[in-house]
Amino acid sequence: MTSGTHSPTATRRTRPAATFVAVGLTLGLGLAACGDDDDADDPPATAPADDVELGEFDESLIVGLPVEEAEEVVEDEGWEFRIAVLDGEDQVLTMDFVPNRVNVTVDDGIVTGIEFIG
């Protein structure tokens, strides 16, 4: 065999080895990204800054109203409306913080209170 040429057998052996190494590195790096973070106790990026001043929404404007009417009132006041508790069941909610969002409790189609702002 002359210098600079490769036998077909040698090429076939290195390809699976190279593929195995490439796949192993890819999986290893991918799994490393899923590891524990030291900053896991940090607040989420969407948490309000300490200097954000929360507005107050006048609960009396919507308590006792049907959901559709309450939503219209909330939106007319420039706020967002979301049902947080429906007929005694906590709803699945996103954890993002929206300072002008009113999260309400609804029983039998009637708003019975504000759970929280955000």
PDB file of N, CA and C in Angstrom:
ATOM      1  N   MET A   1       0.857  -1.163   0.000  1.00  0.00           N
ATOM      2  CA  MET A   1       0.000   0.000   0.000  1.00  0.00           C
ATOM      3  C   MET A   1       0.902   1.224   0.000  1.00  0.00           C
ATOM      4  N   THR A   2       0.526   2.228  -0.775  1.00  0.00           N
ATOM      5  CA  THR A   2       1.345   3.423  -0.863  1.00  0.00           C
ATOM      6  C   THR A   2       0.889   4.430   0.148  1.00  0.00           C
ATOM      7  N   SER A   3       1.786   5.333   0.450  1.00  0.00           N
ATOM      8  CA  SER A   3       1.479   6.372   1.434  1.00  0.00           C
ATOM      9  C   SER A   3       0.366   7.272   0.906  1.00  0.00           C
ATOM     10  N   GLY A   4      -0.590   7.626   1.755  1.00  0.00           N
ATOM     11  CA  GLY A   4      -1.668   8.538   1.366  1.00  0.00           C
ATOM     12  C   GLY A   4      -2.911   7.832   0.871  1.00  0.00           C
ATOM     13  N   THR A   5      -2.907   6.539   0.728  1.00  0.00           N
ATOM     14  CA  THR A   5      -4.113   5.830   0.324  1.00  0.00           C
ATOM     15  C   THR A   5      -4.668   5.073   1.512  1.00  0.00           C
ATOM     16  N   HIS A   6      -5.939   4.886   1.495  1.00  0.00           N
ATOM     17  CA  HIS A   6      -6.610   4.178   2.588  1.00  0.00           C
ATOM     18  C   HIS A   6      -7.268   2.937   2.039  1.00  0.00           C
ATOM     19  N   SER A   7      -7.246   1.907   2.791  1.00  0.00           N
ATOM     20  CA  SER A   7      -7.946   0.701   2.365  1.00  0.00           C
ATOM     21  C   SER A   7      -9.423   0.875   2.661  1.00  0.00           C
ATOM     22  N   PRO A   8     -10.304   0.296   1.863  1.00  0.00           N
ATOM     23  CA  PRO A   8     -11.749   0.382   2.113  1.00  0.00           C
ATOM     24  C   PRO A   8     -12.129  -0.141   3.489  1.00  0.00           C
ATOM     25  N   THR A   9     -11.414  -1.117   3.992  1.00  0.00           N
ATOM     26  CA  THR A   9     -11.715  -1.679   5.304  1.00  0.00           C
ATOM     27  C   THR A   9     -11.440  -0.665   6.398  1.00  0.00           C
ATOM     28  N   ALA A  10     -10.354   0.070   6.300  1.00  0.00           N
ATOM     29  CA  ALA A  10     -10.018   1.077   7.304  1.00  0.00           C
ATOM     30  C   ALA A  10     -11.044   2.193   7.318  1.00  0.00           C
ATOM     31  N   THR A  11     -11.528   2.592   6.156  1.00  0.00           N
ATOM     32  CA  THR A  11     -12.531   3.660   6.063  1.00  0.00           C
ATOM     33  C   THR A  11     -13.829   3.211   6.710  1.00  0.00           C
ATOM     34  N   ARG A  12     -14.221   1.974   6.461  1.00  0.00           N
ATOM     35  CA  ARG A  12     -15.456   1.473   7.045  1.00  0.00           C
ATOM     36  C   ARG A  12     -15.375   1.402   8.564  1.00  0.00           C
ATOM     37  N   ARG A  13     -14.235   1.110   9.096  1.00  0.00           N
ATOM     38  CA  ARG A  13     -14.076   1.036  10.549  1.00  0.00           C
ATOM     39  C   ARG A  13     -14.098   2.408  11.195  1.00  0.00           C
ATOM     40  N   THR A  14     -13.571   3.414  10.539  1.00  0.00           N
ATOM     41  CA  THR A  14     -13.510   4.749  11.145  1.00  0.00           C
ATOM     42  C   THR A  14     -14.835   5.475  11.054  1.00  0.00           C
ATOM     43  N   ARG A  15     -15.615   5.213  10.059  1.00  0.00           N
ATOM     44  CA  ARG A  15     -16.904   5.907   9.946  1.00  0.00           C
ATOM     45  C   ARG A  15     -17.829   5.570  11.118  1.00  0.00           C
ATOM     46  N   PRO A  16     -18.037   4.302  11.443  1.00  0.00           N
ATOM     47  CA  PRO A  16     -18.892   4.011  12.600  1.00  0.00           C
ATOM     48  C   PRO A  16     -18.301   4.579  13.888  1.00  0.00           C
ATOM     49  N   ALA A  17     -17.009   4.540  14.022  1.00  0.00           N
ATOM     50  CA  ALA A  17     -16.390   5.085  15.233  1.00  0.00           C
ATOM     51  C   ALA A  17     -16.597   6.585  15.301  1.00  0.00           C
ATOM     52  N   ALA A  18     -16.410   7.259  14.168  1.00  0.00           N
ATOM     53  CA  ALA A  18     -16.603   8.716  14.136  1.00  0.00           C
ATOM     54  C   ALA A  18     -18.064   9.069  14.402  1.00  0.00           C
ATOM     55  N   THR A  19     -18.975   8.285  13.847  1.00  0.00           N
ATOM     56  CA  THR A  19     -20.405   8.511  14.073  1.00  0.00           C
ATOM     57  C   THR A  19     -20.742   8.308  15.545  1.00  0.00           C
ATOM     58  N   PHE A  20     -20.188   7.254  16.127  1.00  0.00           N
ATOM     59  CA  PHE A  20     -20.426   6.977  17.538  1.00  0.00           C
ATOM     60  C   PHE A  20     -19.930   8.124  18.414  1.00  0.00           C
ATOM     61  N   VAL A  21     -18.752   8.642  18.114  1.00  0.00           N
ATOM     62  CA  VAL A  21     -18.188   9.758  18.882  1.00  0.00           C
ATOM     63  C   VAL A  21     -19.053  11.001  18.713  1.00  0.00           C
ATOM     64  N   ALA A  22     -19.483  11.300  17.482  1.00  0.00           N
ATOM     65  CA  ALA A  22     -20.307  12.488  17.230  1.00  0.00           C
ATOM     66  C   ALA A  22     -21.642  12.395  17.954  1.00  0.00           C
ATOM     67  N   VAL A  23     -22.277  11.238  17.896  1.00  0.00           N
ATOM     68  CA  VAL A  23     -23.566  11.043  18.572  1.00  0.00           C
ATOM     69  C   VAL A  23     -23.370  11.145  20.086  1.00  0.00           C
ATOM     70  N   GLY A  24     -22.311  10.544  20.584  1.00  0.00           N
ATOM     71  CA  GLY A  24     -22.043  10.598  22.021  1.00  0.00           C
ATOM     72  C   GLY A  24     -21.822  12.010  22.514  1.00  0.00           C
ATOM     73  N   LEU A  25     -21.054  12.799  21.754  1.00  0.00           N
ATOM     74  CA  LEU A  25     -20.826  14.189  22.147  1.00  0.00           C
ATOM     75  C   LEU A  25     -22.116  14.994  22.115  1.00  0.00           C
ATOM     76  N   THR A  26     -22.917  14.781  21.076  1.00  0.00           N
ATOM     77  CA  THR A  26     -24.186  15.507  20.963  1.00  0.00           C
ATOM     78  C   THR A  26     -25.104  15.177  22.132  1.00  0.00           C
ATOM     79  N   LEU A  27     -25.259  13.909  22.442  1.00  0.00           N
ATOM     80  CA  LEU A  27     -26.114  13.520  23.569  1.00  0.00           C
ATOM     81  C   LEU A  27     -25.561  14.027  24.892  1.00  0.00           C
ATOM     82  N   GLY A  28     -24.243  13.927  25.059  1.00  0.00           N
ATOM     83  CA  GLY A  28     -23.627  14.389  26.300  1.00  0.00           C
ATOM     84  C   GLY A  28     -23.833  15.873  26.525  1.00  0.00           C
ATOM     85  N   LEU A  29     -23.648  16.653  25.470  1.00  0.00           N
ATOM     86  CA  LEU A  29     -23.847  18.100  25.597  1.00  0.00           C
ATOM     87  C   LEU A  29     -25.316  18.433  25.830  1.00  0.00           C
ATOM     88  N   GLY A  30     -26.194  17.699  25.154  1.00  0.00           N
ATOM     89  CA  GLY A  30     -27.625  17.939  25.339  1.00  0.00           C
ATOM     90  C   GLY A  30     -28.077  17.629  26.743  1.00  0.00           C
ATOM     91  N   LEU A  31     -27.608  16.532  27.297  1.00  0.00           N
ATOM     92  CA  LEU A  31     -27.982  16.164  28.663  1.00  0.00           C
ATOM     93  C   LEU A  31     -27.358  17.105  29.684  1.00  0.00           C
ATOM     94  N   ALA A  32     -26.178  17.614  29.388  1.00  0.00           N
ATOM     95  CA  ALA A  32     -25.534  18.548  30.311  1.00  0.00           C
ATOM     96  C   ALA A  32     -26.372  19.811  30.452  1.00  0.00           C
ATOM     97  N   ALA A  33     -27.064  20.186  29.395  1.00  0.00           N
ATOM     98  CA  ALA A  33     -27.901  21.381  29.445  1.00  0.00           C
ATOM     99  C   ALA A  33     -29.130  21.170  30.323  1.00  0.00           C
ATOM    100  N   CYS A  34     -29.481  19.922  30.600  1.00  0.00           N
ATOM    101  CA  CYS A  34     -30.657  19.616  31.415  1.00  0.00           C
ATOM    102  C   CYS A  34     -30.321  19.442  32.883  1.00  0.00           C
ATOM    103  N   GLY A  35     -29.083  19.671  33.269  1.00  0.00           N
ATOM    104  CA  GLY A  35     -28.663  19.443  34.648  1.00  0.00           C
ATOM    105  C   GLY A  35     -29.215  20.479  35.598  1.00  0.00           C
ATOM    106  N   ASP A  36     -28.922  20.279  36.889  1.00  0.00           N
ATOM    107  CA  ASP A  36     -29.346  21.217  37.918  1.00  0.00           C
ATOM    108  C   ASP A  36     -28.626  22.543  37.751  1.00  0.00           C
ATOM    109  N   ASP A  37     -29.347  23.607  38.001  1.00  0.00           N
ATOM    110  CA  ASP A  37     -28.766  24.943  37.947  1.00  0.00           C
ATOM    111  C   ASP A  37     -28.593  25.457  39.358  1.00  0.00           C
ATOM    112  N   ASP A  38     -27.496  26.127  39.602  1.00  0.00           N
ATOM    113  CA  ASP A  38     -27.286  26.725  40.914  1.00  0.00           C
ATOM    114  C   ASP A  38     -28.239  27.875  41.173  1.00  0.00           C
ATOM    115  N   ASP A  39     -28.758  28.482  40.098  1.00  0.00           N
ATOM    116  CA  ASP A  39     -29.632  29.638  40.256  1.00  0.00           C
ATOM    117  C   ASP A  39     -31.110  29.242  40.198  1.00  0.00           C
ATOM    118  N   ALA A  40     -31.430  27.997  40.552  1.00  0.00           N
ATOM    119  CA  ALA A  40     -32.814  27.515  40.497  1.00  0.00           C
ATOM    120  C   ALA A  40     -33.726  28.276  41.453  1.00  0.00           C
ATOM    121  N   ASP A  41     -33.164  28.879  42.494  1.00  0.00           N
ATOM    122  CA  ASP A  41     -33.986  29.620  43.440  1.00  0.00           C
ATOM    123  C   ASP A  41     -34.246  31.053  43.007  1.00  0.00           C
ATOM    124  N   ASP A  42     -33.636  31.477  41.898  1.00  0.00           N
ATOM    125  CA  ASP A  42     -33.855  32.830  41.409  1.00  0.00           C
ATOM    126  C   ASP A  42     -35.301  32.975  40.960  1.00  0.00           C
ATOM    127  N   PRO A  43     -35.868  34.168  41.103  1.00  0.00           N
ATOM    128  CA  PRO A  43     -37.246  34.366  40.652  1.00  0.00           C
ATOM    129  C   PRO A  43     -37.314  34.263  39.134  1.00  0.00           C
ATOM    130  N   PRO A  44     -38.479  33.907  38.590  1.00  0.00           N
ATOM    131  CA  PRO A  44     -38.605  33.826  37.145  1.00  0.00           C
ATOM    132  C   PRO A  44     -38.359  35.186  36.506  1.00  0.00           C
ATOM    133  N   ALA A  45     -37.961  35.149  35.239  1.00  0.00           N
ATOM    134  CA  ALA A  45     -37.639  36.388  34.528  1.00  0.00           C
ATOM    135  C   ALA A  45     -38.851  37.299  34.413  1.00  0.00           C
ATOM    136  N   THR A  46     -40.056  36.732  34.523  1.00  0.00           N
ATOM    137  CA  THR A  46     -41.255  37.544  34.372  1.00  0.00           C
ATOM    138  C   THR A  46     -41.743  38.130  35.690  1.00  0.00           C
ATOM    139  N   ALA A  47     -41.027  37.872  36.773  1.00  0.00           N
ATOM    140  CA  ALA A  47     -41.440  38.421  38.066  1.00  0.00           C
ATOM    141  C   ALA A  47     -41.337  39.935  38.027  1.00  0.00           C
ATOM    142  N   PRO A  48     -42.221  40.638  38.705  1.00  0.00           N
ATOM    143  CA  PRO A  48     -42.177  42.090  38.672  1.00  0.00           C
ATOM    144  C   PRO A  48     -40.930  42.624  39.375  1.00  0.00           C
ATOM    145  N   ALA A  49     -40.457  43.716  38.869  1.00  0.00           N
ATOM    146  CA  ALA A  49     -39.333  44.374  39.531  1.00  0.00           C
ATOM    147  C   ALA A  49     -39.822  44.923  40.864  1.00  0.00           C
ATOM    148  N   ASP A  50     -38.895  45.107  41.802  1.00  0.00           N
ATOM    149  CA  ASP A  50     -39.269  45.600  43.128  1.00  0.00           C
ATOM    150  C   ASP A  50     -39.896  46.986  43.076  1.00  0.00           C
ATOM    151  N   ASP A  51     -39.537  47.767  42.064  1.00  0.00           N
ATOM    152  CA  ASP A  51     -40.036  49.136  42.002  1.00  0.00           C
ATOM    153  C   ASP A  51     -41.347  49.272  41.222  1.00  0.00           C
ATOM    154  N   VAL A  52     -41.925  48.130  40.767  1.00  0.00           N
ATOM    155  CA  VAL A  52     -43.198  48.199  40.062  1.00  0.00           C
ATOM    156  C   VAL A  52     -44.299  48.455  41.066  1.00  0.00           C
ATOM    157  N   GLU A  53     -45.086  49.463  40.799  1.00  0.00           N
ATOM    158  CA  GLU A  53     -46.192  49.787  41.687  1.00  0.00           C
ATOM    159  C   GLU A  53     -47.465  49.182  41.113  1.00  0.00           C
ATOM    160  N   LEU A  54     -48.083  48.297  41.866  1.00  0.00           N
ATOM    161  CA  LEU A  54     -49.282  47.643  41.385  1.00  0.00           C
ATOM    162  C   LEU A  54     -50.480  48.554  41.521  1.00  0.00           C
ATOM    163  N   GLY A  55     -51.272  48.549  40.485  1.00  0.00           N
ATOM    164  CA  GLY A  55     -52.496  49.325  40.538  1.00  0.00           C
ATOM    165  C   GLY A  55     -53.545  48.595  41.337  1.00  0.00           C
ATOM    166  N   GLU A  56     -54.576  49.274  41.656  1.00  0.00           N
ATOM    167  CA  GLU A  56     -55.683  48.659  42.365  1.00  0.00           C
ATOM    168  C   GLU A  56     -56.888  48.696  41.450  1.00  0.00           C
ATOM    169  N   PHE A  57     -57.613  47.617  41.428  1.00  0.00           N
ATOM    170  CA  PHE A  57     -58.840  47.566  40.647  1.00  0.00           C
ATOM    171  C   PHE A  57     -59.997  47.544  41.613  1.00  0.00           C
ATOM    172  N   ASP A  58     -60.977  48.390  41.365  1.00  0.00           N
ATOM    173  CA  ASP A  58     -62.139  48.501  42.243  1.00  0.00           C
ATOM    174  C   ASP A  58     -63.031  47.263  42.069  1.00  0.00           C
ATOM    175  N   GLU A  59     -62.924  46.365  43.025  1.00  0.00           N
ATOM    176  CA  GLU A  59     -63.655  45.101  42.992  1.00  0.00           C
ATOM    177  C   GLU A  59     -65.163  45.307  42.862  1.00  0.00           C
ATOM    178  N   SER A  60     -65.664  46.393  43.429  1.00  0.00           N
ATOM    179  CA  SER A  60     -67.112  46.628  43.409  1.00  0.00           C
ATOM    180  C   SER A  60     -67.644  46.850  41.992  1.00  0.00           C
ATOM    181  N   LEU A  61     -66.763  47.139  41.041  1.00  0.00           N
ATOM    182  CA  LEU A  61     -67.202  47.343  39.660  1.00  0.00           C
ATOM    183  C   LEU A  61     -67.663  46.048  38.994  1.00  0.00           C
ATOM    184  N   ILE A  62     -67.144  44.907  39.469  1.00  0.00           N
ATOM    185  CA  ILE A  62     -67.442  43.662  38.754  1.00  0.00           C
ATOM    186  C   ILE A  62     -68.073  42.560  39.603  1.00  0.00           C
ATOM    187  N   VAL A  63     -67.932  42.620  40.921  1.00  0.00           N
ATOM    188  CA  VAL A  63     -68.500  41.561  41.763  1.00  0.00           C
ATOM    189  C   VAL A  63     -70.022  41.577  41.627  1.00  0.00           C
ATOM    190  N   GLY A  64     -70.574  40.397  41.346  1.00  0.00           N
ATOM    191  CA  GLY A  64     -72.018  40.253  41.164  1.00  0.00           C
ATOM    192  C   GLY A  64     -72.450  40.287  39.705  1.00  0.00           C
ATOM    193  N   LEU A  65     -71.517  40.630  38.812  1.00  0.00           N
ATOM    194  CA  LEU A  65     -71.852  40.679  37.385  1.00  0.00           C
ATOM    195  C   LEU A  65     -71.617  39.329  36.723  1.00  0.00           C
ATOM    196  N   PRO A  66     -72.387  39.041  35.665  1.00  0.00           N
ATOM    197  CA  PRO A  66     -72.081  37.858  34.865  1.00  0.00           C
ATOM    198  C   PRO A  66     -70.681  38.013  34.244  1.00  0.00           C
ATOM    199  N   VAL A  67     -70.017  36.903  33.973  1.00  0.00           N
ATOM    200  CA  VAL A  67     -68.644  36.906  33.473  1.00  0.00           C
ATOM    201  C   VAL A  67     -68.481  37.827  32.258  1.00  0.00           C
ATOM    202  N   GLU A  68     -69.375  37.727  31.292  1.00  0.00           N
ATOM    203  CA  GLU A  68     -69.241  38.515  30.061  1.00  0.00           C
ATOM    204  C   GLU A  68     -69.264  40.012  30.355  1.00  0.00           C
ATOM    205  N   GLU A  69     -70.175  40.427  31.218  1.00  0.00           N
ATOM    206  CA  GLU A  69     -70.275  41.848  31.572  1.00  0.00           C
ATOM    207  C   GLU A  69     -69.048  42.297  32.362  1.00  0.00           C
ATOM    208  N   ALA A  70     -68.609  41.465  33.292  1.00  0.00           N
ATOM    209  CA  ALA A  70     -67.438  41.802  34.108  1.00  0.00           C
ATOM    210  C   ALA A  70     -66.202  41.946  33.231  1.00  0.00           C
ATOM    211  N   GLU A  71     -66.044  41.047  32.285  1.00  0.00           N
ATOM    212  CA  GLU A  71     -64.900  41.124  31.370  1.00  0.00           C
ATOM    213  C   GLU A  71     -64.930  42.422  30.571  1.00  0.00           C
ATOM    214  N   GLU A  72     -66.100  42.813  30.128  1.00  0.00           N
ATOM    215  CA  GLU A  72     -66.241  44.059  29.370  1.00  0.00           C
ATOM    216  C   GLU A  72     -65.874  45.266  30.230  1.00  0.00           C
ATOM    217  N   VAL A  73     -66.330  45.279  31.482  1.00  0.00           N
ATOM    218  CA  VAL A  73     -66.013  46.381  32.395  1.00  0.00           C
ATOM    219  C   VAL A  73     -64.504  46.456  32.633  1.00  0.00           C
ATOM    220  N   VAL A  74     -63.898  45.309  32.897  1.00  0.00           N
ATOM    221  CA  VAL A  74     -62.460  45.255  33.166  1.00  0.00           C
ATOM    222  C   VAL A  74     -61.688  45.797  31.967  1.00  0.00           C
ATOM    223  N   GLU A  75     -62.039  45.343  30.778  1.00  0.00           N
ATOM    224  CA  GLU A  75     -61.336  45.782  29.575  1.00  0.00           C
ATOM    225  C   GLU A  75     -61.595  47.260  29.279  1.00  0.00           C
ATOM    226  N   ASP A  76     -62.809  47.739  29.557  1.00  0.00           N
ATOM    227  CA  ASP A  76     -63.099  49.169  29.382  1.00  0.00           C
ATOM    228  C   ASP A  76     -62.246  50.033  30.302  1.00  0.00           C
ATOM    229  N   GLU A  77     -61.855  49.481  31.452  1.00  0.00           N
ATOM    230  CA  GLU A  77     -61.011  50.197  32.408  1.00  0.00           C
ATOM    231  C   GLU A  77     -59.524  50.088  32.046  1.00  0.00           C
ATOM    232  N   GLY A  78     -59.208  49.364  30.950  1.00  0.00           N
ATOM    233  CA  GLY A  78     -57.828  49.228  30.502  1.00  0.00           C
ATOM    234  C   GLY A  78     -57.065  48.081  31.131  1.00  0.00           C
ATOM    235  N   TRP A  79     -57.772  47.135  31.712  1.00  0.00           N
ATOM    236  CA  TRP A  79     -57.152  45.977  32.359  1.00  0.00           C
ATOM    237  C   TRP A  79     -57.409  44.729  31.524  1.00  0.00           C
ATOM    238  N   GLU A  80     -56.669  43.674  31.810  1.00  0.00           N
ATOM    239  CA  GLU A  80     -56.923  42.363  31.216  1.00  0.00           C
ATOM    240  C   GLU A  80     -57.717  41.536  32.212  1.00  0.00           C
ATOM    241  N   PHE A  81     -58.503  40.602  31.704  1.00  0.00           N
ATOM    242  CA  PHE A  81     -59.402  39.796  32.516  1.00  0.00           C
ATOM    243  C   PHE A  81     -59.013  38.328  32.395  1.00  0.00           C
ATOM    244  N   ARG A  82     -58.983  37.626  33.535  1.00  0.00           N
ATOM    245  CA  ARG A  82     -58.707  36.188  33.504  1.00  0.00           C
ATOM    246  C   ARG A  82     -59.416  35.516  34.671  1.00  0.00           C
ATOM    247  N   ILE A  83     -60.004  34.374  34.402  1.00  0.00           N
ATOM    248  CA  ILE A  83     -60.668  33.590  35.443  1.00  0.00           C
ATOM    249  C   ILE A  83     -59.611  32.710  36.108  1.00  0.00           C
ATOM    250  N   ALA A  84     -59.409  32.897  37.407  1.00  0.00           N
ATOM    251  CA  ALA A  84     -58.421  32.123  38.168  1.00  0.00           C
ATOM    252  C   ALA A  84     -59.065  30.949  38.897  1.00  0.00           C
ATOM    253  N   VAL A  85     -60.305  31.141  39.369  1.00  0.00           N
ATOM    254  CA  VAL A  85     -61.037  30.078  40.068  1.00  0.00           C
ATOM    255  C   VAL A  85     -62.433  30.016  39.461  1.00  0.00           C
ATOM    256  N   LEU A  86     -62.797  28.831  38.973  1.00  0.00           N
ATOM    257  CA  LEU A  86     -64.099  28.648  38.336  1.00  0.00           C
ATOM    258  C   LEU A  86     -64.872  27.574  39.084  1.00  0.00           C
ATOM    259  N   ASP A  87     -65.987  27.983  39.671  1.00  0.00           N
ATOM    260  CA  ASP A  87     -66.842  27.060  40.427  1.00  0.00           C
ATOM    261  C   ASP A  87     -66.044  26.252  41.449  1.00  0.00           C
ATOM    262  N   GLY A  88     -65.178  26.941  42.190  1.00  0.00           N
ATOM    263  CA  GLY A  88     -64.399  26.327  43.255  1.00  0.00           C
ATOM    264  C   GLY A  88     -63.148  25.589  42.805  1.00  0.00           C
ATOM    265  N   GLU A  89     -62.882  25.532  41.512  1.00  0.00           N
ATOM    266  CA  GLU A  89     -61.718  24.825  40.973  1.00  0.00           C
ATOM    267  C   GLU A  89     -60.678  25.839  40.512  1.00  0.00           C
ATOM    268  N   ASP A  90     -59.451  25.735  41.067  1.00  0.00           N
ATOM    269  CA  ASP A  90     -58.367  26.572  40.580  1.00  0.00           C
ATOM    270  C   ASP A  90     -58.110  26.229  39.123  1.00  0.00           C
ATOM    271  N   GLN A  91     -57.932  27.258  38.311  1.00  0.00           N
ATOM    272  CA  GLN A  91     -57.657  27.060  36.900  1.00  0.00           C
ATOM    273  C   GLN A  91     -56.152  26.995  36.653  1.00  0.00           C
ATOM    274  N   VAL A  92     -55.761  26.336  35.575  1.00  0.00           N
ATOM    275  CA  VAL A  92     -54.357  26.296  35.186  1.00  0.00           C
ATOM    276  C   VAL A  92     -54.021  27.661  34.608  1.00  0.00           C
ATOM    277  N   LEU A  93     -53.016  28.315  35.208  1.00  0.00           N
ATOM    278  CA  LEU A  93     -52.649  29.664  34.794  1.00  0.00           C
ATOM    279  C   LEU A  93     -51.168  29.732  34.462  1.00  0.00           C
ATOM    280  N   THR A  94     -50.822  30.634  33.575  1.00  0.00           N
ATOM    281  CA  THR A  94     -49.415  30.884  33.310  1.00  0.00           C
ATOM    282  C   THR A  94     -48.844  31.659  34.483  1.00  0.00           C
ATOM    283  N   MET A  95     -47.530  31.577  34.665  1.00  0.00           N
ATOM    284  CA  MET A  95     -46.897  32.245  35.800  1.00  0.00           C
ATOM    285  C   MET A  95     -46.339  33.619  35.427  1.00  0.00           C
ATOM    286  N   ASP A  96     -46.612  34.071  34.213  1.00  0.00           N
ATOM    287  CA  ASP A  96     -46.108  35.377  33.829  1.00  0.00           C
ATOM    288  C   ASP A  96     -46.824  36.457  34.628  1.00  0.00           C
ATOM    289  N   PHE A  97     -46.140  37.548  34.850  1.00  0.00           N
ATOM    290  CA  PHE A  97     -46.723  38.637  35.628  1.00  0.00           C
ATOM    291  C   PHE A  97     -47.174  39.740  34.684  1.00  0.00           C
ATOM    292  N   VAL A  98     -48.445  40.062  34.733  1.00  0.00           N
ATOM    293  CA  VAL A  98     -49.007  41.144  33.933  1.00  0.00           C
ATOM    294  C   VAL A  98     -49.627  42.128  34.917  1.00  0.00           C
ATOM    295  N   PRO A  99     -48.981  43.289  35.119  1.00  0.00           N
ATOM    296  CA  PRO A  99     -49.407  44.194  36.190  1.00  0.00           C
ATOM    297  C   PRO A  99     -50.824  44.730  36.054  1.00  0.00           C
ATOM    298  N   ASN A 100     -51.395  44.660  34.854  1.00  0.00           N
ATOM    299  CA  ASN A 100     -52.758  45.174  34.689  1.00  0.00           C
ATOM    300  C   ASN A 100     -53.756  44.051  34.397  1.00  0.00           C
ATOM    301  N   ARG A 101     -53.490  42.861  34.966  1.00  0.00           N
ATOM    302  CA  ARG A 101     -54.407  41.734  34.760  1.00  0.00           C
ATOM    303  C   ARG A 101     -55.179  41.461  36.040  1.00  0.00           C
ATOM    304  N   VAL A 102     -56.494  41.379  35.921  1.00  0.00           N
ATOM    305  CA  VAL A 102     -57.387  41.077  37.033  1.00  0.00           C
ATOM    306  C   VAL A 102     -57.757  39.601  36.947  1.00  0.00           C
ATOM    307  N   ASN A 103     -57.415  38.852  37.985  1.00  0.00           N
ATOM    308  CA  ASN A 103     -57.710  37.421  38.050  1.00  0.00           C
ATOM    309  C   ASN A 103     -58.879  37.228  38.997  1.00  0.00           C
ATOM    310  N   VAL A 104     -59.973  36.703  38.481  1.00  0.00           N
ATOM    311  CA  VAL A 104     -61.216  36.671  39.248  1.00  0.00           C
ATOM    312  C   VAL A 104     -61.649  35.266  39.621  1.00  0.00           C
ATOM    313  N   THR A 105     -62.562  35.229  40.588  1.00  0.00           N
ATOM    314  CA  THR A 105     -63.253  34.002  40.996  1.00  0.00           C
ATOM    315  C   THR A 105     -64.660  34.074  40.430  1.00  0.00           C
ATOM    316  N   VAL A 106     -65.090  32.972  39.812  1.00  0.00           N
ATOM    317  CA  VAL A 106     -66.424  32.921  39.211  1.00  0.00           C
ATOM    318  C   VAL A 106     -67.154  31.697  39.755  1.00  0.00           C
ATOM    319  N   ASP A 107     -68.395  31.923  40.205  1.00  0.00           N
ATOM    320  CA  ASP A 107     -69.270  30.833  40.646  1.00  0.00           C
ATOM    321  C   ASP A 107     -70.582  30.935  39.887  1.00  0.00           C
ATOM    322  N   ASP A 108     -70.956  29.840  39.231  1.00  0.00           N
ATOM    323  CA  ASP A 108     -72.206  29.782  38.454  1.00  0.00           C
ATOM    324  C   ASP A 108     -72.344  30.951  37.487  1.00  0.00           C
ATOM    325  N   GLY A 109     -71.234  31.313  36.827  1.00  0.00           N
ATOM    326  CA  GLY A 109     -71.266  32.370  35.812  1.00  0.00           C
ATOM    327  C   GLY A 109     -71.239  33.785  36.344  1.00  0.00           C
ATOM    328  N   ILE A 110     -71.135  33.956  37.673  1.00  0.00           N
ATOM    329  CA  ILE A 110     -71.123  35.273  38.298  1.00  0.00           C
ATOM    330  C   ILE A 110     -69.768  35.514  38.961  1.00  0.00           C
ATOM    331  N   VAL A 111     -69.185  36.696  38.742  1.00  0.00           N
ATOM    332  CA  VAL A 111     -67.921  37.044  39.383  1.00  0.00           C
ATOM    333  C   VAL A 111     -68.199  37.285  40.855  1.00  0.00           C
ATOM    334  N   THR A 112     -67.463  36.552  41.712  1.00  0.00           N
ATOM    335  CA  THR A 112     -67.685  36.669  43.159  1.00  0.00           C
ATOM    336  C   THR A 112     -66.539  37.365  43.881  1.00  0.00           C
ATOM    337  N   GLY A 113     -65.436  37.612  43.160  1.00  0.00           N
ATOM    338  CA  GLY A 113     -64.313  38.316  43.786  1.00  0.00           C
ATOM    339  C   GLY A 113     -63.093  38.350  42.897  1.00  0.00           C
ATOM    340  N   ILE A 114     -62.108  39.120  43.351  1.00  0.00           N
ATOM    341  CA  ILE A 114     -60.820  39.182  42.675  1.00  0.00           C
ATOM    342  C   ILE A 114     -59.844  38.339  43.483  1.00  0.00           C
ATOM    343  N   GLU A 115     -59.219  37.389  42.842  1.00  0.00           N
ATOM    344  CA  GLU A 115     -58.215  36.533  43.488  1.00  0.00           C
ATOM    345  C   GLU A 115     -56.924  37.321  43.701  1.00  0.00           C
ATOM    346  N   PHE A 116     -56.423  37.928  42.624  1.00  0.00           N
ATOM    347  CA  PHE A 116     -55.177  38.686  42.686  1.00  0.00           C
ATOM    348  C   PHE A 116     -55.013  39.511  41.414  1.00  0.00           C
ATOM    349  N   ILE A 117     -54.085  40.451  41.463  1.00  0.00           N
ATOM    350  CA  ILE A 117     -53.723  41.271  40.314  1.00  0.00           C
ATOM    351  C   ILE A 117     -52.399  40.717  39.789  1.00  0.00           C
ATOM    352  N   GLY A 118     -52.299  40.561  38.514  1.00  0.00           N
ATOM    353  CA  GLY A 118     -51.062  40.075  37.900  1.00  0.00           C
ATOM    354  C   GLY A 118     -51.358  38.968  37.025  1.00  0.00           C
TER     355      GLY A 118
END
